[in-house]
């Protein structure tokens, strides 16, 4: 967990540094679009790293949590669950039949 926190802190500092560079560049009013595109690509790379780290952390938590083992796995043979075979408790009418008719 500490390793994950350290990685998150590193990603956060990288993105903050890039955002500060963008702000300085815009305030200087002497910038080229190519420089902004480079900074955008760096921000997107940091974002991808951060999202990957988040997904890994969530997967680890989901697999190791006791609630993940509380439910039985679904059947792999393609049979629909029993609850979907149950008939609705009240008749289902199309929405158009329920609307008033105007002439």
PDB file of N, CA and C in Angstrom:
ATOM      1  N   UNK A   1       0.822  -1.184   0.000  1.00  0.00           N
ATOM      2  CA  UNK A   1       0.000   0.000   0.000  1.00  0.00           C
ATOM      3  C   UNK A   1       0.874   1.258   0.000  1.00  0.00           C
ATOM      4  N   UNK A   2       1.976   1.189   0.708  1.00  0.00           N
ATOM      5  CA  UNK A   2       2.868   2.346   0.753  1.00  0.00           C
ATOM      6  C   UNK A   2       3.482   2.602  -0.622  1.00  0.00           C
ATOM      7  N   UNK A   3       3.766   1.520  -1.334  1.00  0.00           N
ATOM      8  CA  UNK A   3       4.322   1.647  -2.681  1.00  0.00           C
ATOM      9  C   UNK A   3       3.329   2.368  -3.594  1.00  0.00           C
ATOM     10  N   UNK A   4       2.060   2.011  -3.477  1.00  0.00           N
ATOM     11  CA  UNK A   4       1.016   2.662  -4.269  1.00  0.00           C
ATOM     12  C   UNK A   4       0.912   4.139  -3.919  1.00  0.00           C
ATOM     13  N   UNK A   5       0.961   4.453  -2.645  1.00  0.00           N
ATOM     14  CA  UNK A   5       0.897   5.856  -2.222  1.00  0.00           C
ATOM     15  C   UNK A   5       2.082   6.649  -2.755  1.00  0.00           C
ATOM     16  N   UNK A   6       3.265   6.043  -2.752  1.00  0.00           N
ATOM     17  CA  UNK A   6       4.449   6.720  -3.284  1.00  0.00           C
ATOM     18  C   UNK A   6       4.313   6.968  -4.782  1.00  0.00           C
ATOM     19  N   UNK A   7       3.769   5.971  -5.509  1.00  0.00           N
ATOM     20  CA  UNK A   7       3.579   6.143  -6.947  1.00  0.00           C
ATOM     21  C   UNK A   7       2.558   7.235  -7.232  1.00  0.00           C
ATOM     22  N   UNK A   8       1.478   7.263  -6.451  1.00  0.00           N
ATOM     23  CA  UNK A   8       0.459   8.297  -6.633  1.00  0.00           C
ATOM     24  C   UNK A   8       1.049   9.676  -6.375  1.00  0.00           C
ATOM     25  N   UNK A   9       1.873   9.784  -5.346  1.00  0.00           N
ATOM     26  CA  UNK A   9       2.503  11.072  -5.036  1.00  0.00           C
ATOM     27  C   UNK A   9       3.431  11.501  -6.170  1.00  0.00           C
ATOM     28  N   UNK A  10       4.155  10.549  -6.745  1.00  0.00           N
ATOM     29  CA  UNK A  10       5.049  10.872  -7.856  1.00  0.00           C
ATOM     30  C   UNK A  10       4.255  11.337  -9.074  1.00  0.00           C
ATOM     31  N   UNK A  11       3.166  10.650  -9.382  1.00  0.00           N
ATOM     32  CA  UNK A  11       2.319  11.055 -10.517  1.00  0.00           C
ATOM     33  C   UNK A  11       1.714  12.426 -10.276  1.00  0.00           C
ATOM     34  N   UNK A  12       1.283  12.665  -9.052  1.00  0.00           N
ATOM     35  CA  UNK A  12       0.683  13.954  -8.712  1.00  0.00           C
ATOM     36  C   UNK A  12       1.708  15.076  -8.869  1.00  0.00           C
ATOM     37  N   UNK A  13       2.936  14.844  -8.426  1.00  0.00           N
ATOM     38  CA  UNK A  13       3.954  15.893  -8.546  1.00  0.00           C
ATOM     39  C   UNK A  13       4.327  16.123 -10.008  1.00  0.00           C
ATOM     40  N   UNK A  14       4.356  15.053 -10.812  1.00  0.00           N
ATOM     41  CA  UNK A  14       4.649  15.219 -12.237  1.00  0.00           C
ATOM     42  C   UNK A  14       3.573  16.052 -12.924  1.00  0.00           C
ATOM     43  N   UNK A  15       2.314  15.728 -12.643  1.00  0.00           N
ATOM     44  CA  UNK A  15       1.237  16.477 -13.295  1.00  0.00           C
ATOM     45  C   UNK A  15       1.210  17.927 -12.816  1.00  0.00           C
ATOM     46  N   UNK A  16       1.490  18.163 -11.547  1.00  0.00           N
ATOM     47  CA  UNK A  16       1.535  19.533 -11.030  1.00  0.00           C
ATOM     48  C   UNK A  16       2.652  20.320 -11.696  1.00  0.00           C
ATOM     49  N   UNK A  17       3.793  19.693 -11.886  1.00  0.00           N
ATOM     50  CA  UNK A  17       4.918  20.351 -12.553  1.00  0.00           C
ATOM     51  C   UNK A  17       4.550  20.731 -13.980  1.00  0.00           C
ATOM     52  N   UNK A  18       3.893  19.809 -14.695  1.00  0.00           N
ATOM     53  CA  UNK A  18       3.512  20.083 -16.082  1.00  0.00           C
ATOM     54  C   UNK A  18       2.475  21.198 -16.145  1.00  0.00           C
ATOM     55  N   UNK A  19       1.505  21.176 -15.250  1.00  0.00           N
ATOM     56  CA  UNK A  19       0.482  22.231 -15.228  1.00  0.00           C
ATOM     57  C   UNK A  19       1.128  23.580 -14.936  1.00  0.00           C
ATOM     58  N   UNK A  20       2.092  23.617 -14.042  1.00  0.00           N
ATOM     59  CA  UNK A  20       2.804  24.872 -13.756  1.00  0.00           C
ATOM     60  C   UNK A  20       3.562  25.362 -14.985  1.00  0.00           C
ATOM     61  N   UNK A  21       4.171  24.431 -15.728  1.00  0.00           N
ATOM     62  CA  UNK A  21       4.871  24.809 -16.957  1.00  0.00           C
ATOM     63  C   UNK A  21       3.899  25.399 -17.971  1.00  0.00           C
ATOM     64  N   UNK A  22       2.728  24.786 -18.098  1.00  0.00           N
ATOM     65  CA  UNK A  22       1.713  25.298 -19.026  1.00  0.00           C
ATOM     66  C   UNK A  22       1.290  26.703 -18.610  1.00  0.00           C
ATOM     67  N   UNK A  23       1.041  26.907 -17.333  1.00  0.00           N
ATOM     68  CA  UNK A  23       0.632  28.234 -16.854  1.00  0.00           C
ATOM     69  C   UNK A  23       1.705  29.287 -17.117  1.00  0.00           C
ATOM     70  N   UNK A  24       2.961  28.940 -16.865  1.00  0.00           N
ATOM     71  CA  UNK A  24       4.046  29.886 -17.124  1.00  0.00           C
ATOM     72  C   UNK A  24       4.160  30.197 -18.611  1.00  0.00           C
ATOM     73  N   UNK A  25       3.969  29.171 -19.418  1.00  0.00           N
ATOM     74  CA  UNK A  25       4.069  29.354 -20.858  1.00  0.00           C
ATOM     75  C   UNK A  25       2.958  30.260 -21.378  1.00  0.00           C
ATOM     76  N   UNK A  26       1.758  30.067 -20.881  1.00  0.00           N
ATOM     77  CA  UNK A  26       0.624  30.885 -21.319  1.00  0.00           C
ATOM     78  C   UNK A  26       0.784  32.324 -20.839  1.00  0.00           C
ATOM     79  N   UNK A  27       1.258  32.515 -19.621  1.00  0.00           N
ATOM     80  CA  UNK A  27       1.437  33.868 -19.097  1.00  0.00           C
ATOM     81  C   UNK A  27       2.543  34.618 -19.819  1.00  0.00           C
ATOM     82  N   UNK A  28       3.520  33.915 -20.334  1.00  0.00           N
ATOM     83  CA  UNK A  28       4.612  34.582 -21.041  1.00  0.00           C
ATOM     84  C   UNK A  28       4.157  35.122 -22.395  1.00  0.00           C
ATOM     85  N   UNK A  29       3.067  34.596 -22.936  1.00  0.00           N
ATOM     86  CA  UNK A  29       2.497  35.011 -24.214  1.00  0.00           C
ATOM     87  C   UNK A  29       3.484  34.882 -25.362  1.00  0.00           C
ATOM     88  N   UNK A  30       4.521  34.127 -25.189  1.00  0.00           N
ATOM     89  CA  UNK A  30       5.491  33.880 -26.250  1.00  0.00           C
ATOM     90  C   UNK A  30       5.670  32.372 -26.388  1.00  0.00           C
ATOM     91  N   UNK A  31       4.621  31.719 -26.795  1.00  0.00           N
ATOM     92  CA  UNK A  31       4.694  30.272 -26.895  1.00  0.00           C
ATOM     93  C   UNK A  31       4.259  29.814 -28.279  1.00  0.00           C
ATOM     94  N   UNK A  32       4.662  28.616 -28.601  1.00  0.00           N
ATOM     95  CA  UNK A  32       4.272  27.992 -29.857  1.00  0.00           C
ATOM     96  C   UNK A  32       3.328  26.845 -29.540  1.00  0.00           C
ATOM     97  N   UNK A  33       2.468  26.559 -30.481  1.00  0.00           N
ATOM     98  CA  UNK A  33       1.519  25.469 -30.273  1.00  0.00           C
ATOM     99  C   UNK A  33       2.228  24.129 -30.130  1.00  0.00           C
ATOM    100  N   UNK A  34       3.338  23.969 -30.793  1.00  0.00           N
ATOM    101  CA  UNK A  34       4.058  22.697 -30.696  1.00  0.00           C
ATOM    102  C   UNK A  34       4.508  22.434 -29.258  1.00  0.00           C
ATOM    103  N   UNK A  35       4.885  23.490 -28.555  1.00  0.00           N
ATOM    104  CA  UNK A  35       5.282  23.336 -27.155  1.00  0.00           C
ATOM    105  C   UNK A  35       4.096  22.906 -26.308  1.00  0.00           C
ATOM    106  N   UNK A  36       2.926  23.491 -26.568  1.00  0.00           N
ATOM    107  CA  UNK A  36       1.725  23.087 -25.836  1.00  0.00           C
ATOM    108  C   UNK A  36       1.365  21.638 -26.132  1.00  0.00           C
ATOM    109  N   UNK A  37       1.518  21.218 -27.386  1.00  0.00           N
ATOM    110  CA  UNK A  37       1.211  19.829 -27.729  1.00  0.00           C
ATOM    111  C   UNK A  37       2.136  18.855 -27.003  1.00  0.00           C
ATOM    112  N   UNK A  38       3.391  19.241 -26.848  1.00  0.00           N
ATOM    113  CA  UNK A  38       4.333  18.394 -26.103  1.00  0.00           C
ATOM    114  C   UNK A  38       3.897  18.282 -24.647  1.00  0.00           C
ATOM    115  N   UNK A  39       3.506  19.406 -24.059  1.00  0.00           N
ATOM    116  CA  UNK A  39       3.056  19.384 -22.666  1.00  0.00           C
ATOM    117  C   UNK A  39       1.764  18.584 -22.511  1.00  0.00           C
ATOM    118  N   UNK A  40       0.869  18.693 -23.488  1.00  0.00           N
ATOM    119  CA  UNK A  40      -0.366  17.907 -23.442  1.00  0.00           C
ATOM    120  C   UNK A  40      -0.056  16.419 -23.507  1.00  0.00           C
ATOM    121  N   UNK A  41       0.865  16.035 -24.374  1.00  0.00           N
ATOM    122  CA  UNK A  41       1.206  14.607 -24.465  1.00  0.00           C
ATOM    123  C   UNK A  41       1.849  14.113 -23.173  1.00  0.00           C
ATOM    124  N   UNK A  42       2.642  14.966 -22.525  1.00  0.00           N
ATOM    125  CA  UNK A  42       3.222  14.571 -21.233  1.00  0.00           C
ATOM    126  C   UNK A  42       2.141  14.405 -20.176  1.00  0.00           C
ATOM    127  N   UNK A  43       1.156  15.321 -20.166  1.00  0.00           N
ATOM    128  CA  UNK A  43       0.047  15.198 -19.218  1.00  0.00           C
ATOM    129  C   UNK A  43      -0.764  13.931 -19.476  1.00  0.00           C
ATOM    130  N   UNK A  44      -0.990  13.610 -20.740  1.00  0.00           N
ATOM    131  CA  UNK A  44      -1.742  12.400 -21.067  1.00  0.00           C
ATOM    132  C   UNK A  44      -0.983  11.147 -20.638  1.00  0.00           C
ATOM    133  N   UNK A  45       0.336  11.164 -20.754  1.00  0.00           N
ATOM    134  CA  UNK A  45       1.132  10.018 -20.317  1.00  0.00           C
ATOM    135  C   UNK A  45       1.037   9.839 -18.805  1.00  0.00           C
ATOM    136  N   UNK A  46       1.101  10.948 -18.065  1.00  0.00           N
ATOM    137  CA  UNK A  46       0.966  10.870 -16.605  1.00  0.00           C
ATOM    138  C   UNK A  46      -0.430  10.386 -16.237  1.00  0.00           C
ATOM    139  N   UNK A  47      -1.432  10.859 -16.965  1.00  0.00           N
ATOM    140  CA  UNK A  47      -2.814  10.432 -16.710  1.00  0.00           C
ATOM    141  C   UNK A  47      -2.957   8.931 -16.940  1.00  0.00           C
ATOM    142  N   UNK A  48      -2.375   8.422 -18.015  1.00  0.00           N
ATOM    143  CA  UNK A  48      -2.458   6.990 -18.301  1.00  0.00           C
ATOM    144  C   UNK A  48      -1.766   6.178 -17.208  1.00  0.00           C
ATOM    145  N   UNK A  49      -0.614   6.649 -16.747  1.00  0.00           N
ATOM    146  CA  UNK A  49       0.086   5.957 -15.658  1.00  0.00           C
ATOM    147  C   UNK A  49      -0.748   5.950 -14.388  1.00  0.00           C
ATOM    148  N   UNK A  50      -1.356   7.096 -14.089  1.00  0.00           N
ATOM    149  CA  UNK A  50      -2.165   7.203 -12.875  1.00  0.00           C
ATOM    150  C   UNK A  50      -3.392   6.307 -12.957  1.00  0.00           C
ATOM    151  N   UNK A  51      -4.054   6.286 -14.115  1.00  0.00           N
ATOM    152  CA  UNK A  51      -5.227   5.426 -14.273  1.00  0.00           C
ATOM    153  C   UNK A  51      -4.850   3.949 -14.177  1.00  0.00           C
ATOM    154  N   UNK A  52      -3.718   3.587 -14.763  1.00  0.00           N
ATOM    155  CA  UNK A  52      -3.255   2.205 -14.654  1.00  0.00           C
ATOM    156  C   UNK A  52      -2.975   1.822 -13.216  1.00  0.00           C
ATOM    157  N   UNK A  53      -2.364   2.721 -12.484  1.00  0.00           N
ATOM    158  CA  UNK A  53      -2.085   2.481 -11.070  1.00  0.00           C
ATOM    159  C   UNK A  53      -3.376   2.338 -10.281  1.00  0.00           C
ATOM    160  N   UNK A  54      -4.351   3.190 -10.576  1.00  0.00           N
ATOM    161  CA  UNK A  54      -5.637   3.129  -9.894  1.00  0.00           C
ATOM    162  C   UNK A  54      -6.358   1.819 -10.192  1.00  0.00           C
ATOM    163  N   UNK A  55      -6.349   1.396 -11.455  1.00  0.00           N
ATOM    164  CA  UNK A  55      -7.002   0.141 -11.819  1.00  0.00           C
ATOM    165  C   UNK A  55      -6.334  -1.043 -11.126  1.00  0.00           C
ATOM    166  N   UNK A  56      -5.013  -1.046 -11.068  1.00  0.00           N
ATOM    167  CA  UNK A  56      -4.301  -2.126 -10.375  1.00  0.00           C
ATOM    168  C   UNK A  56      -4.659  -2.158  -8.898  1.00  0.00           C
ATOM    169  N   UNK A  57      -4.721  -0.986  -8.276  1.00  0.00           N
ATOM    170  CA  UNK A  57      -5.063  -0.918  -6.856  1.00  0.00           C
ATOM    171  C   UNK A  57      -6.482  -1.396  -6.611  1.00  0.00           C
ATOM    172  N   UNK A  58      -7.409  -0.987  -7.481  1.00  0.00           N
ATOM    173  CA  UNK A  58      -8.799  -1.411  -7.322  1.00  0.00           C
ATOM    174  C   UNK A  58      -8.934  -2.916  -7.514  1.00  0.00           C
ATOM    175  N   UNK A  59      -8.218  -3.473  -8.485  1.00  0.00           N
ATOM    176  CA  UNK A  59      -8.279  -4.910  -8.717  1.00  0.00           C
ATOM    177  C   UNK A  59      -7.734  -5.666  -7.511  1.00  0.00           C
ATOM    178  N   UNK A  60      -6.633  -5.181  -6.963  1.00  0.00           N
ATOM    179  CA  UNK A  60      -6.050  -5.826  -5.783  1.00  0.00           C
ATOM    180  C   UNK A  60      -7.020  -5.792  -4.617  1.00  0.00           C
ATOM    181  N   UNK A  61      -7.661  -4.648  -4.407  1.00  0.00           N
ATOM    182  CA  UNK A  61      -8.628  -4.546  -3.318  1.00  0.00           C
ATOM    183  C   UNK A  61      -9.850  -5.426  -3.570  1.00  0.00           C
ATOM    184  N   UNK A  62     -10.312  -5.493  -4.797  1.00  0.00           N
ATOM    185  CA  UNK A  62     -11.496  -6.295  -5.110  1.00  0.00           C
ATOM    186  C   UNK A  62     -11.220  -7.777  -4.929  1.00  0.00           C
ATOM    187  N   UNK A  63     -10.047  -8.221  -5.317  1.00  0.00           N
ATOM    188  CA  UNK A  63      -9.710  -9.638  -5.204  1.00  0.00           C
ATOM    189  C   UNK A  63      -9.475 -10.025  -3.754  1.00  0.00           C
ATOM    190  N   UNK A  64      -8.874  -9.133  -2.985  1.00  0.00           N
ATOM    191  CA  UNK A  64      -8.527  -9.482  -1.612  1.00  0.00           C
ATOM    192  C   UNK A  64      -9.648  -9.215  -0.617  1.00  0.00           C
ATOM    193  N   UNK A  65     -10.733  -8.559  -1.053  1.00  0.00           N
ATOM    194  CA  UNK A  65     -11.794  -8.243  -0.097  1.00  0.00           C
ATOM    195  C   UNK A  65     -12.630  -9.479   0.209  1.00  0.00           C
ATOM    196  N   UNK A  66     -13.143  -9.596   1.435  1.00  0.00           N
ATOM    197  CA  UNK A  66     -13.947 -10.766   1.793  1.00  0.00           C
ATOM    198  C   UNK A  66     -15.284 -10.802   1.064  1.00  0.00           C
ATOM    199  N   UNK A  67     -15.794  -9.655   0.630  1.00  0.00           N
ATOM    200  CA  UNK A  67     -17.077  -9.662  -0.070  1.00  0.00           C
ATOM    201  C   UNK A  67     -16.966 -10.224  -1.472  1.00  0.00           C
ATOM    202  N   UNK A  68     -15.770 -10.230  -2.046  1.00  0.00           N
ATOM    203  CA  UNK A  68     -15.631 -10.786  -3.384  1.00  0.00           C
ATOM    204  C   UNK A  68     -15.840 -12.289  -3.378  1.00  0.00           C
ATOM    205  N   UNK A  69     -15.666 -12.918  -2.246  1.00  0.00           N
ATOM    206  CA  UNK A  69     -15.867 -14.362  -2.147  1.00  0.00           C
ATOM    207  C   UNK A  69     -17.263 -14.704  -1.632  1.00  0.00           C
ATOM    208  N   UNK A  70     -18.072 -13.713  -1.297  1.00  0.00           N
ATOM    209  CA  UNK A  70     -19.381 -13.968  -0.706  1.00  0.00           C
ATOM    210  C   UNK A  70     -20.401 -14.438  -1.734  1.00  0.00           C
ATOM    211  N   UNK A  71     -20.194 -14.144  -3.010  1.00  0.00           N
ATOM    212  CA  UNK A  71     -21.149 -14.503  -4.042  1.00  0.00           C
ATOM    213  C   UNK A  71     -20.611 -15.659  -4.869  1.00  0.00           C
ATOM    214  N   UNK A  72     -21.503 -16.538  -5.238  1.00  0.00           N
ATOM    215  CA  UNK A  72     -21.112 -17.654  -6.080  1.00  0.00           C
ATOM    216  C   UNK A  72     -20.882 -17.158  -7.499  1.00  0.00           C
ATOM    217  N   UNK A  73     -19.956 -17.750  -8.203  1.00  0.00           N
ATOM    218  CA  UNK A  73     -19.733 -17.328  -9.578  1.00  0.00           C
ATOM    219  C   UNK A  73     -20.931 -17.697 -10.454  1.00  0.00           C
ATOM    220  N   UNK A  74     -21.139 -16.946 -11.507  1.00  0.00           N
ATOM    221  CA  UNK A  74     -22.243 -17.229 -12.415  1.00  0.00           C
ATOM    222  C   UNK A  74     -21.907 -18.448 -13.256  1.00  0.00           C
ATOM    223  N   UNK A  75     -22.919 -19.174 -13.710  1.00  0.00           N
ATOM    224  CA  UNK A  75     -22.637 -20.353 -14.517  1.00  0.00           C
ATOM    225  C   UNK A  75     -22.016 -19.954 -15.848  1.00  0.00           C
ATOM    226  N   UNK A  76     -21.061 -20.721 -16.284  1.00  0.00           N
ATOM    227  CA  UNK A  76     -20.339 -20.412 -17.508  1.00  0.00           C
ATOM    228  C   UNK A  76     -20.977 -21.065 -18.728  1.00  0.00           C
ATOM    229  N   UNK A  77     -22.044 -21.843 -18.529  1.00  0.00           N
ATOM    230  CA  UNK A  77     -22.625 -22.567 -19.655  1.00  0.00           C
ATOM    231  C   UNK A  77     -23.615 -21.727 -20.451  1.00  0.00           C
ATOM    232  N   UNK A  78     -23.852 -20.489 -20.092  1.00  0.00           N
ATOM    233  CA  UNK A  78     -24.709 -19.609 -20.857  1.00  0.00           C
ATOM    234  C   UNK A  78     -26.169 -19.655 -20.477  1.00  0.00           C
ATOM    235  N   UNK A  79     -26.558 -20.436 -19.479  1.00  0.00           N
ATOM    236  CA  UNK A  79     -27.951 -20.462 -19.053  1.00  0.00           C
ATOM    237  C   UNK A  79     -28.298 -19.128 -18.408  1.00  0.00           C
ATOM    238  N   UNK A  80     -29.493 -18.595 -18.707  1.00  0.00           N
ATOM    239  CA  UNK A  80     -29.876 -17.344 -18.058  1.00  0.00           C
ATOM    240  C   UNK A  80     -30.169 -17.573 -16.587  1.00  0.00           C
ATOM    241  N   UNK A  81     -29.992 -16.582 -15.766  1.00  0.00           N
ATOM    242  CA  UNK A  81     -30.305 -16.741 -14.352  1.00  0.00           C
ATOM    243  C   UNK A  81     -31.798 -16.991 -14.155  1.00  0.00           C
ATOM    244  N   UNK A  82     -32.130 -17.653 -13.080  1.00  0.00           N
ATOM    245  CA  UNK A  82     -33.513 -18.025 -12.808  1.00  0.00           C
ATOM    246  C   UNK A  82     -34.390 -16.794 -12.655  1.00  0.00           C
ATOM    247  N   UNK A  83     -33.883 -15.727 -12.096  1.00  0.00           N
ATOM    248  CA  UNK A  83     -34.680 -14.528 -11.858  1.00  0.00           C
ATOM    249  C   UNK A  83     -35.180 -13.919 -13.164  1.00  0.00           C
ATOM    250  N   UNK A  84     -34.443 -14.086 -14.268  1.00  0.00           N
ATOM    251  CA  UNK A  84     -34.879 -13.494 -15.529  1.00  0.00           C
ATOM    252  C   UNK A  84     -36.032 -14.274 -16.147  1.00  0.00           C
ATOM    253  N   UNK A  85     -36.264 -15.523 -15.728  1.00  0.00           N
ATOM    254  CA  UNK A  85     -37.356 -16.324 -16.262  1.00  0.00           C
ATOM    255  C   UNK A  85     -38.672 -16.005 -15.570  1.00  0.00           C
ATOM    256  N   UNK A  86     -38.629 -15.299 -14.479  1.00  0.00           N
ATOM    257  CA  UNK A  86     -39.822 -14.964 -13.723  1.00  0.00           C
ATOM    258  C   UNK A  86     -40.658 -13.959 -14.501  1.00  0.00           C
ATOM    259  N   UNK A  87     -41.974 -14.132 -14.471  1.00  0.00           N
ATOM    260  CA  UNK A  87     -42.873 -13.211 -15.158  1.00  0.00           C
ATOM    261  C   UNK A  87     -43.019 -11.937 -14.324  1.00  0.00           C
ATOM    262  N   UNK A  88     -43.256 -10.813 -14.975  1.00  0.00           N
ATOM    263  CA  UNK A  88     -43.430  -9.573 -14.220  1.00  0.00           C
ATOM    264  C   UNK A  88     -44.646  -9.653 -13.300  1.00  0.00           C
ATOM    265  N   UNK A  89     -44.587  -8.945 -12.188  1.00  0.00           N
ATOM    266  CA  UNK A  89     -45.672  -8.997 -11.211  1.00  0.00           C
ATOM    267  C   UNK A  89     -46.897  -8.230 -11.678  1.00  0.00           C
ATOM    268  N   UNK A  90     -46.740  -7.260 -12.541  1.00  0.00           N
ATOM    269  CA  UNK A  90     -47.887  -6.543 -13.081  1.00  0.00           C
ATOM    270  C   UNK A  90     -47.736  -6.495 -14.600  1.00  0.00           C
ATOM    271  N   UNK A  91     -48.838  -6.403 -15.308  1.00  0.00           N
ATOM    272  CA  UNK A  91     -48.735  -6.417 -16.774  1.00  0.00           C
ATOM    273  C   UNK A  91     -47.966  -5.197 -17.279  1.00  0.00           C
ATOM    274  N   UNK A  92     -47.111  -5.453 -18.227  1.00  0.00           N
ATOM    275  CA  UNK A  92     -46.318  -4.387 -18.820  1.00  0.00           C
ATOM    276  C   UNK A  92     -47.001  -3.931 -20.099  1.00  0.00           C
ATOM    277  N   UNK A  93     -47.353  -2.660 -20.180  1.00  0.00           N
ATOM    278  CA  UNK A  93     -47.989  -2.107 -21.361  1.00  0.00           C
ATOM    279  C   UNK A  93     -47.026  -1.138 -22.020  1.00  0.00           C
ATOM    280  N   UNK A  94     -47.070  -1.092 -23.319  1.00  0.00           N
ATOM    281  CA  UNK A  94     -46.213  -0.116 -23.999  1.00  0.00           C
ATOM    282  C   UNK A  94     -46.571   1.304 -23.572  1.00  0.00           C
ATOM    283  N   UNK A  95     -45.604   2.145 -23.587  1.00  0.00           N
ATOM    284  CA  UNK A  95     -45.783   3.523 -23.139  1.00  0.00           C
ATOM    285  C   UNK A  95     -46.793   4.274 -23.997  1.00  0.00           C
ATOM    286  N   UNK A  96     -46.834   3.993 -25.291  1.00  0.00           N
ATOM    287  CA  UNK A  96     -47.749   4.711 -26.174  1.00  0.00           C
ATOM    288  C   UNK A  96     -49.203   4.416 -25.845  1.00  0.00           C
ATOM    289  N   UNK A  97     -49.511   3.223 -25.371  1.00  0.00           N
ATOM    290  CA  UNK A  97     -50.886   2.891 -25.017  1.00  0.00           C
ATOM    291  C   UNK A  97     -51.316   3.626 -23.752  1.00  0.00           C
ATOM    292  N   UNK A  98     -50.389   3.982 -22.911  1.00  0.00           N
ATOM    293  CA  UNK A  98     -50.716   4.664 -21.667  1.00  0.00           C
ATOM    294  C   UNK A  98     -50.952   6.156 -21.873  1.00  0.00           C
ATOM    295  N   UNK A  99     -50.444   6.721 -22.963  1.00  0.00           N
ATOM    296  CA  UNK A  99     -50.582   8.151 -23.211  1.00  0.00           C
ATOM    297  C   UNK A  99     -51.980   8.475 -23.725  1.00  0.00           C
ATOM    298  N   UNK A 100     -52.528   9.633 -23.378  1.00  0.00           N
ATOM    299  CA  UNK A 100     -53.855  10.009 -23.887  1.00  0.00           C
ATOM    300  C   UNK A 100     -53.799  10.274 -25.390  1.00  0.00           C
ATOM    301  N   UNK A 101     -54.882   9.977 -26.060  1.00  0.00           N
ATOM    302  CA  UNK A 101     -54.974  10.182 -27.501  1.00  0.00           C
ATOM    303  C   UNK A 101     -55.554  11.566 -27.778  1.00  0.00           C
ATOM    304  N   UNK A 102     -54.878  12.357 -28.574  1.00  0.00           N
ATOM    305  CA  UNK A 102     -55.338  13.692 -28.952  1.00  0.00           C
ATOM    306  C   UNK A 102     -55.798  13.671 -30.398  1.00  0.00           C
ATOM    307  N   UNK A 103     -56.895  14.389 -30.662  1.00  0.00           N
ATOM    308  CA  UNK A 103     -57.400  14.465 -32.044  1.00  0.00           C
ATOM    309  C   UNK A 103     -57.338  15.876 -32.556  1.00  0.00           C
TER     310      UNK A 103
END
